[in-house]
Amino acid sequence: MFFHPLALVMMMMLVVSVVVLFFVVQIGIISYAFDKIGIPSGALFSLLLLSWVGSWVNIPLARFPAEAPVMEGGVVRVFGQRYVMPQWGQRRQTVLAVNIGGAVVPTLLSLYLLTQALAPLRVVVATAAVTLLTYRLARPVAGVGIVVPMVLPPLSAALAALLLVPQQAPLAAYVAGTMGTLIGGDLLHVRKVTRLGAPVASIGGAGTFDGVFLTGIIAVLLA
């Protein structure tokens, strides 16, 4: 399934941001942050680009009977962000999918970083703390799915990392921020999606992709 959950203006802003990120990486600002968590600077732009391109790709996992009328084609504004409801044509079904750029890429990277952690148990505890906060902040939105604000998850991830894993705070902040947002925002709310009238509920997609994409960068920079 190929679609982007953000409105046209936001899609254009992401295109511009990717171009800006390319030049930022070239002068070493963000590459410094990712060097701190053990990602080779040469692979950084490819990782960012893969995340953005992958945000358009959703892999269907299951179909559920919708418990509410399925809403399509509208635009919903939540937490200052505009989300577009995709056209799917199945009025009585909600498709559960996983987003490549917002779920698969950050999950694989987080698992790799967890193997590099000196205190993996503390990283898991930090992730659990961010998961709990994100779960409480997540808001079910009709026609879209579960939406999470972008600011508080990265702030909480950085704070938890600095308190629990000060010797590897950037690494812990990335794992806690991205995985905490995915688990607390999407996975723990997955049973609610059939009641929201959303044609597609994508893990790491609408409502959490912007948070996951920015949380990793912001959490590392803050740490």
C-alpha atoms as a PDB file:
ATOM      1  CA  MET A   1       0.000   0.000   0.000  1.00  0.00           C
ATOM      2  CA  PHE A   2       1.538   3.299  -1.125  1.00  0.00           C
ATOM      3  CA  PHE A   3       0.349   6.567   0.378  1.00  0.00           C
ATOM      4  CA  HIS A   4       1.571   9.286   2.695  1.00  0.00           C
ATOM      5  CA  PRO A   5      -0.520  10.241   5.724  1.00  0.00           C
ATOM      6  CA  LEU A   6       0.453  13.919   5.758  1.00  0.00           C
ATOM      7  CA  ALA A   7      -1.205  16.752   3.847  1.00  0.00           C
ATOM      8  CA  LEU A   8       0.382  18.107   0.637  1.00  0.00           C
ATOM      9  CA  VAL A   9       1.942  21.085   2.392  1.00  0.00           C
ATOM     10  CA  MET A  10       3.565  18.837   4.967  1.00  0.00           C
ATOM     11  CA  MET A  11       4.780  16.449   2.260  1.00  0.00           C
ATOM     12  CA  MET A  12       6.500  19.361   0.507  1.00  0.00           C
ATOM     13  CA  MET A  13       8.037  20.413   3.810  1.00  0.00           C
ATOM     14  CA  LEU A  14       9.435  16.909   4.249  1.00  0.00           C
ATOM     15  CA  VAL A  15      10.911  17.017   0.739  1.00  0.00           C
ATOM     16  CA  VAL A  16      12.597  20.309   1.600  1.00  0.00           C
ATOM     17  CA  SER A  17      13.717  18.912   4.952  1.00  0.00           C
ATOM     18  CA  VAL A  18      15.397  15.935   3.271  1.00  0.00           C
ATOM     19  CA  VAL A  19      17.307  18.310   0.987  1.00  0.00           C
ATOM     20  CA  VAL A  20      18.276  20.446   3.980  1.00  0.00           C
ATOM     21  CA  LEU A  21      19.299  17.338   5.901  1.00  0.00           C
ATOM     22  CA  PHE A  22      21.628  16.402   3.064  1.00  0.00           C
ATOM     23  CA  PHE A  23      23.529  19.672   3.426  1.00  0.00           C
ATOM     24  CA  VAL A  24      23.375  19.500   7.218  1.00  0.00           C
ATOM     25  CA  VAL A  25      24.908  16.037   7.100  1.00  0.00           C
ATOM     26  CA  GLN A  26      27.625  17.312   4.775  1.00  0.00           C
ATOM     27  CA  ILE A  27      28.725  19.926   7.307  1.00  0.00           C
ATOM     28  CA  GLY A  28      28.587  17.401  10.110  1.00  0.00           C
ATOM     29  CA  ILE A  29      25.890  18.724  12.447  1.00  0.00           C
ATOM     30  CA  ILE A  30      23.585  15.704  12.567  1.00  0.00           C
ATOM     31  CA  SER A  31      26.351  13.243  11.743  1.00  0.00           C
ATOM     32  CA  TYR A  32      27.977  14.267  15.034  1.00  0.00           C
ATOM     33  CA  ALA A  33      24.834  13.251  16.898  1.00  0.00           C
ATOM     34  CA  PHE A  34      24.608   9.890  15.153  1.00  0.00           C
ATOM     35  CA  ASP A  35      28.321   9.259  15.565  1.00  0.00           C
ATOM     36  CA  LYS A  36      27.617   9.433  19.285  1.00  0.00           C
ATOM     37  CA  ILE A  37      25.304   6.415  19.021  1.00  0.00           C
ATOM     38  CA  GLY A  38      27.575   4.360  16.807  1.00  0.00           C
ATOM     39  CA  ILE A  39      26.135   4.908  13.322  1.00  0.00           C
ATOM     40  CA  PRO A  40      28.794   5.485  10.641  1.00  0.00           C
ATOM     41  CA  SER A  41      28.439   9.011   9.300  1.00  0.00           C
ATOM     42  CA  GLY A  42      28.727   7.690   5.742  1.00  0.00           C
ATOM     43  CA  ALA A  43      25.508   5.692   6.198  1.00  0.00           C
ATOM     44  CA  LEU A  44      23.595   8.510   7.871  1.00  0.00           C
ATOM     45  CA  PHE A  45      22.005  10.222   4.870  1.00  0.00           C
ATOM     46  CA  SER A  46      21.055   6.870   3.364  1.00  0.00           C
ATOM     47  CA  LEU A  47      19.332   5.985   6.638  1.00  0.00           C
ATOM     48  CA  LEU A  48      17.401   9.274   6.754  1.00  0.00           C
ATOM     49  CA  LEU A  49      16.417   8.991   3.092  1.00  0.00           C
ATOM     50  CA  LEU A  50      15.349   5.365   3.546  1.00  0.00           C
ATOM     51  CA  SER A  51      13.159   6.382   6.484  1.00  0.00           C
ATOM     52  CA  TRP A  52      11.472   9.146   4.480  1.00  0.00           C
ATOM     53  CA  VAL A  53      10.958   7.062   1.316  1.00  0.00           C
ATOM     54  CA  GLY A  54       9.826   4.122   3.425  1.00  0.00           C
ATOM     55  CA  SER A  55       7.158   6.290   5.056  1.00  0.00           C
ATOM     56  CA  TRP A  56       5.148   5.953   1.800  1.00  0.00           C
ATOM     57  CA  VAL A  57       5.187   2.137   1.968  1.00  0.00           C
ATOM     58  CA  ASN A  58       2.786   0.221   4.217  1.00  0.00           C
ATOM     59  CA  ILE A  59       2.715  -3.573   4.374  1.00  0.00           C
ATOM     60  CA  PRO A  60      -0.782  -4.939   5.168  1.00  0.00           C
ATOM     61  CA  LEU A  61      -0.816  -7.399   8.060  1.00  0.00           C
ATOM     62  CA  ALA A  62      -4.500  -8.068   8.691  1.00  0.00           C
ATOM     63  CA  ARG A  63      -8.051  -6.895   7.999  1.00  0.00           C
ATOM     64  CA  PHE A  64     -10.667  -6.304  10.667  1.00  0.00           C
ATOM     65  CA  PRO A  65     -14.385  -5.549  10.433  1.00  0.00           C
ATOM     66  CA  ALA A  66     -14.786  -1.844  11.208  1.00  0.00           C
ATOM     67  CA  GLU A  67     -16.958  -1.161  14.254  1.00  0.00           C
ATOM     68  CA  ALA A  68     -17.648   2.389  13.034  1.00  0.00           C
ATOM     69  CA  PRO A  69     -18.362   3.830   9.565  1.00  0.00           C
ATOM     70  CA  VAL A  70     -15.080   4.058   7.654  1.00  0.00           C
ATOM     71  CA  MET A  71     -14.091   7.653   6.878  1.00  0.00           C
ATOM     72  CA  GLU A  72     -12.077   8.382   3.718  1.00  0.00           C
ATOM     73  CA  GLY A  73     -10.546  11.288   1.854  1.00  0.00           C
ATOM     74  CA  GLY A  74     -10.749  13.902   4.597  1.00  0.00           C
ATOM     75  CA  VAL A  75      -8.090  15.905   6.414  1.00  0.00           C
ATOM     76  CA  VAL A  76      -7.847  15.871  10.214  1.00  0.00           C
ATOM     77  CA  ARG A  77      -5.873  18.379  12.275  1.00  0.00           C
ATOM     78  CA  VAL A  78      -4.458  17.081  15.570  1.00  0.00           C
ATOM     79  CA  PHE A  79      -1.654  18.481  17.760  1.00  0.00           C
ATOM     80  CA  GLY A  80      -1.076  21.173  15.129  1.00  0.00           C
ATOM     81  CA  GLN A  81      -0.475  18.567  12.401  1.00  0.00           C
ATOM     82  CA  ARG A  82      -2.679  17.738   9.387  1.00  0.00           C
ATOM     83  CA  TYR A  83      -3.293  14.078   8.519  1.00  0.00           C
ATOM     84  CA  VAL A  84      -4.922  12.801   5.336  1.00  0.00           C
ATOM     85  CA  MET A  85      -7.289   9.826   5.488  1.00  0.00           C
ATOM     86  CA  PRO A  86      -6.376   7.474   2.591  1.00  0.00           C
ATOM     87  CA  GLN A  87      -8.854   6.302  -0.055  1.00  0.00           C
ATOM     88  CA  TRP A  88      -9.224   2.546   0.305  1.00  0.00           C
ATOM     89  CA  GLY A  89     -12.723   1.701  -0.882  1.00  0.00           C
ATOM     90  CA  GLN A  90     -13.503  -0.895   1.796  1.00  0.00           C
ATOM     91  CA  ARG A  91     -16.280   0.773   3.769  1.00  0.00           C
ATOM     92  CA  ARG A  92     -16.586  -1.985   6.344  1.00  0.00           C
ATOM     93  CA  GLN A  93     -12.953  -2.926   6.876  1.00  0.00           C
ATOM     94  CA  THR A  94      -9.924  -1.491   8.638  1.00  0.00           C
ATOM     95  CA  VAL A  95      -6.556  -2.678   7.346  1.00  0.00           C
ATOM     96  CA  LEU A  96      -3.776  -3.052   9.910  1.00  0.00           C
ATOM     97  CA  ALA A  97      -0.409  -2.375   8.272  1.00  0.00           C
ATOM     98  CA  VAL A  98       3.200  -1.665   9.239  1.00  0.00           C
ATOM     99  CA  ASN A  99       5.039   1.369   7.864  1.00  0.00           C
ATOM    100  CA  ILE A 100       8.543   0.745   6.515  1.00  0.00           C
ATOM    101  CA  GLY A 101      10.062   4.139   7.347  1.00  0.00           C
ATOM    102  CA  GLY A 102       8.233   4.701  10.615  1.00  0.00           C
ATOM    103  CA  ALA A 103       8.424   1.204  12.107  1.00  0.00           C
ATOM    104  CA  VAL A 104      10.656  -1.308  10.308  1.00  0.00           C
ATOM    105  CA  VAL A 105      13.759   0.885   9.830  1.00  0.00           C
ATOM    106  CA  PRO A 106      13.845   2.385  13.356  1.00  0.00           C
ATOM    107  CA  THR A 107      13.065  -0.986  14.954  1.00  0.00           C
ATOM    108  CA  LEU A 108      15.942  -2.735  13.179  1.00  0.00           C
ATOM    109  CA  LEU A 109      18.286   0.131  14.049  1.00  0.00           C
ATOM    110  CA  SER A 110      17.164   0.113  17.691  1.00  0.00           C
ATOM    111  CA  LEU A 111      17.750  -3.644  17.967  1.00  0.00           C
ATOM    112  CA  TYR A 112      21.251  -3.179  16.556  1.00  0.00           C
ATOM    113  CA  LEU A 113      21.995  -0.355  19.006  1.00  0.00           C
ATOM    114  CA  LEU A 114      20.663  -2.415  21.892  1.00  0.00           C
ATOM    115  CA  THR A 115      23.307  -5.047  21.139  1.00  0.00           C
ATOM    116  CA  GLN A 116      25.937  -2.289  21.453  1.00  0.00           C
ATOM    117  CA  ALA A 117      24.669  -1.064  24.827  1.00  0.00           C
ATOM    118  CA  LEU A 118      26.850  -1.472  27.909  1.00  0.00           C
ATOM    119  CA  ALA A 119      23.770  -1.648  30.130  1.00  0.00           C
ATOM    120  CA  PRO A 120      20.961  -3.029  27.928  1.00  0.00           C
ATOM    121  CA  LEU A 121      18.608  -3.585  30.888  1.00  0.00           C
ATOM    122  CA  ARG A 122      18.737   0.122  31.772  1.00  0.00           C
ATOM    123  CA  VAL A 123      18.037   0.997  28.145  1.00  0.00           C
ATOM    124  CA  VAL A 124      14.972  -1.249  28.301  1.00  0.00           C
ATOM    125  CA  VAL A 125      13.837   0.483  31.505  1.00  0.00           C
ATOM    126  CA  ALA A 126      14.223   3.898  29.823  1.00  0.00           C
ATOM    127  CA  THR A 127      12.194   2.604  26.884  1.00  0.00           C
ATOM    128  CA  ALA A 128       9.492   1.387  29.253  1.00  0.00           C
ATOM    129  CA  ALA A 129       9.286   4.837  30.867  1.00  0.00           C
ATOM    130  CA  VAL A 130       8.846   6.563  27.484  1.00  0.00           C
ATOM    131  CA  THR A 131       6.347   3.882  26.442  1.00  0.00           C
ATOM    132  CA  LEU A 132       4.196   4.585  29.507  1.00  0.00           C
ATOM    133  CA  LEU A 133       4.249   8.354  28.931  1.00  0.00           C
ATOM    134  CA  THR A 134       3.479   8.012  25.224  1.00  0.00           C
ATOM    135  CA  TYR A 135       0.651   5.595  25.971  1.00  0.00           C
ATOM    136  CA  ARG A 136      -0.936   8.192  28.265  1.00  0.00           C
ATOM    137  CA  LEU A 137      -0.465  11.001  25.714  1.00  0.00           C
ATOM    138  CA  ALA A 138      -1.668   9.088  22.634  1.00  0.00           C
ATOM    139  CA  ARG A 139      -5.045  10.195  21.308  1.00  0.00           C
ATOM    140  CA  PRO A 140      -7.393   8.020  19.230  1.00  0.00           C
ATOM    141  CA  VAL A 141      -8.544  10.100  16.234  1.00  0.00           C
ATOM    142  CA  ALA A 142     -11.489   9.062  14.056  1.00  0.00           C
ATOM    143  CA  GLY A 143     -10.487   8.310  10.478  1.00  0.00           C
ATOM    144  CA  VAL A 144      -6.745   8.434  11.208  1.00  0.00           C
ATOM    145  CA  GLY A 145      -5.844   6.080  14.050  1.00  0.00           C
ATOM    146  CA  ILE A 146      -3.648   6.795  17.065  1.00  0.00           C
ATOM    147  CA  VAL A 147      -1.899  10.181  17.121  1.00  0.00           C
ATOM    148  CA  VAL A 148       1.016  11.130  19.379  1.00  0.00           C
ATOM    149  CA  PRO A 149       2.444  14.647  19.977  1.00  0.00           C
ATOM    150  CA  MET A 150       5.965  15.136  18.658  1.00  0.00           C
ATOM    151  CA  VAL A 151       7.570  17.152  21.475  1.00  0.00           C
ATOM    152  CA  LEU A 152       7.152  15.249  24.746  1.00  0.00           C
ATOM    153  CA  PRO A 153       8.412  11.782  23.655  1.00  0.00           C
ATOM    154  CA  PRO A 154      11.883  13.049  22.647  1.00  0.00           C
ATOM    155  CA  LEU A 155      12.131  15.197  25.784  1.00  0.00           C
ATOM    156  CA  SER A 156      11.213  12.267  28.007  1.00  0.00           C
ATOM    157  CA  ALA A 157      13.581   9.946  26.116  1.00  0.00           C
ATOM    158  CA  ALA A 158      16.519  12.303  26.628  1.00  0.00           C
ATOM    159  CA  LEU A 159      15.715  12.763  30.312  1.00  0.00           C
ATOM    160  CA  ALA A 160      15.326   9.022  30.930  1.00  0.00           C
ATOM    161  CA  ALA A 161      18.567   8.307  29.084  1.00  0.00           C
ATOM    162  CA  LEU A 162      20.539  10.912  31.028  1.00  0.00           C
ATOM    163  CA  LEU A 163      19.220   9.608  34.353  1.00  0.00           C
ATOM    164  CA  LEU A 164      19.453   5.870  33.692  1.00  0.00           C
ATOM    165  CA  VAL A 165      22.255   5.447  31.144  1.00  0.00           C
ATOM    166  CA  PRO A 166      24.495   8.538  31.421  1.00  0.00           C
ATOM    167  CA  GLN A 167      27.501   6.714  29.969  1.00  0.00           C
ATOM    168  CA  GLN A 168      25.582   6.001  26.749  1.00  0.00           C
ATOM    169  CA  ALA A 169      22.840   8.615  26.890  1.00  0.00           C
ATOM    170  CA  PRO A 170      22.615   9.260  23.099  1.00  0.00           C
ATOM    171  CA  LEU A 171      22.218   5.554  22.315  1.00  0.00           C
ATOM    172  CA  ALA A 172      19.627   5.071  25.053  1.00  0.00           C
ATOM    173  CA  ALA A 173      17.759   8.213  23.979  1.00  0.00           C
ATOM    174  CA  TYR A 174      17.392   6.963  20.404  1.00  0.00           C
ATOM    175  CA  VAL A 175      16.174   3.498  21.397  1.00  0.00           C
ATOM    176  CA  ALA A 176      13.861   4.787  24.131  1.00  0.00           C
ATOM    177  CA  GLY A 177      12.474   7.583  21.962  1.00  0.00           C
ATOM    178  CA  THR A 178      11.725   5.572  18.835  1.00  0.00           C
ATOM    179  CA  MET A 179      10.629   2.296  20.418  1.00  0.00           C
ATOM    180  CA  GLY A 180       8.743   4.036  23.226  1.00  0.00           C
ATOM    181  CA  THR A 181       6.765   6.017  20.654  1.00  0.00           C
ATOM    182  CA  LEU A 182       5.998   2.946  18.555  1.00  0.00           C
ATOM    183  CA  ILE A 183       5.025   0.689  21.439  1.00  0.00           C
ATOM    184  CA  GLY A 184       3.167   3.239  23.545  1.00  0.00           C
ATOM    185  CA  GLY A 185       1.606   5.059  20.619  1.00  0.00           C
ATOM    186  CA  ASP A 186       0.676   2.241  18.265  1.00  0.00           C
ATOM    187  CA  LEU A 187       1.103  -1.295  19.567  1.00  0.00           C
ATOM    188  CA  LEU A 188      -0.630  -0.828  22.923  1.00  0.00           C
ATOM    189  CA  HIS A 189      -3.568   0.897  21.225  1.00  0.00           C
ATOM    190  CA  VAL A 190      -3.923  -1.485  18.299  1.00  0.00           C
ATOM    191  CA  ARG A 191      -7.217  -2.952  19.591  1.00  0.00           C
ATOM    192  CA  LYS A 192      -8.855   0.474  19.399  1.00  0.00           C
ATOM    193  CA  VAL A 193      -8.326   1.056  15.687  1.00  0.00           C
ATOM    194  CA  THR A 194     -11.422  -0.859  14.579  1.00  0.00           C
ATOM    195  CA  ARG A 195     -13.569   1.629  16.518  1.00  0.00           C
ATOM    196  CA  LEU A 196     -12.084   4.719  14.849  1.00  0.00           C
ATOM    197  CA  GLY A 197     -13.421   4.330  11.316  1.00  0.00           C
ATOM    198  CA  ALA A 198      -9.910   4.515   9.853  1.00  0.00           C
ATOM    199  CA  PRO A 199      -9.534   2.776   6.462  1.00  0.00           C
ATOM    200  CA  VAL A 200      -5.887   1.971   7.246  1.00  0.00           C
ATOM    201  CA  ALA A 201      -4.202   1.830  10.660  1.00  0.00           C
ATOM    202  CA  SER A 202      -0.471   1.774  10.025  1.00  0.00           C
ATOM    203  CA  ILE A 203       2.026   1.013  12.792  1.00  0.00           C
ATOM    204  CA  GLY A 204       4.626   3.754  12.511  1.00  0.00           C
ATOM    205  CA  GLY A 205       2.538   5.556   9.897  1.00  0.00           C
ATOM    206  CA  ALA A 206      -0.103   8.246  10.375  1.00  0.00           C
ATOM    207  CA  GLY A 207       0.087   9.783  13.811  1.00  0.00           C
ATOM    208  CA  THR A 208       3.485   8.410  14.790  1.00  0.00           C
ATOM    209  CA  PHE A 209       5.818   8.628  11.771  1.00  0.00           C
ATOM    210  CA  ASP A 210       6.641  12.296  12.343  1.00  0.00           C
ATOM    211  CA  GLY A 211       7.178  11.536  16.018  1.00  0.00           C
ATOM    212  CA  VAL A 212       9.420   8.525  15.363  1.00  0.00           C
ATOM    213  CA  PHE A 213      11.416  10.282  12.630  1.00  0.00           C
ATOM    214  CA  LEU A 214      12.010  13.409  14.696  1.00  0.00           C
ATOM    215  CA  THR A 215      12.195  11.729  18.092  1.00  0.00           C
ATOM    216  CA  GLY A 216      15.335   9.822  17.163  1.00  0.00           C
ATOM    217  CA  ILE A 217      17.166  12.943  15.988  1.00  0.00           C
ATOM    218  CA  ILE A 218      15.894  15.268  18.723  1.00  0.00           C
ATOM    219  CA  ALA A 219      16.486  12.776  21.523  1.00  0.00           C
ATOM    220  CA  VAL A 220      20.083  12.220  20.419  1.00  0.00           C
ATOM    221  CA  LEU A 221      20.762  15.949  20.068  1.00  0.00           C
ATOM    222  CA  LEU A 222      19.261  16.658  23.505  1.00  0.00           C
ATOM    223  CA  ALA A 223      21.264  13.867  25.103  1.00  0.00           C
END
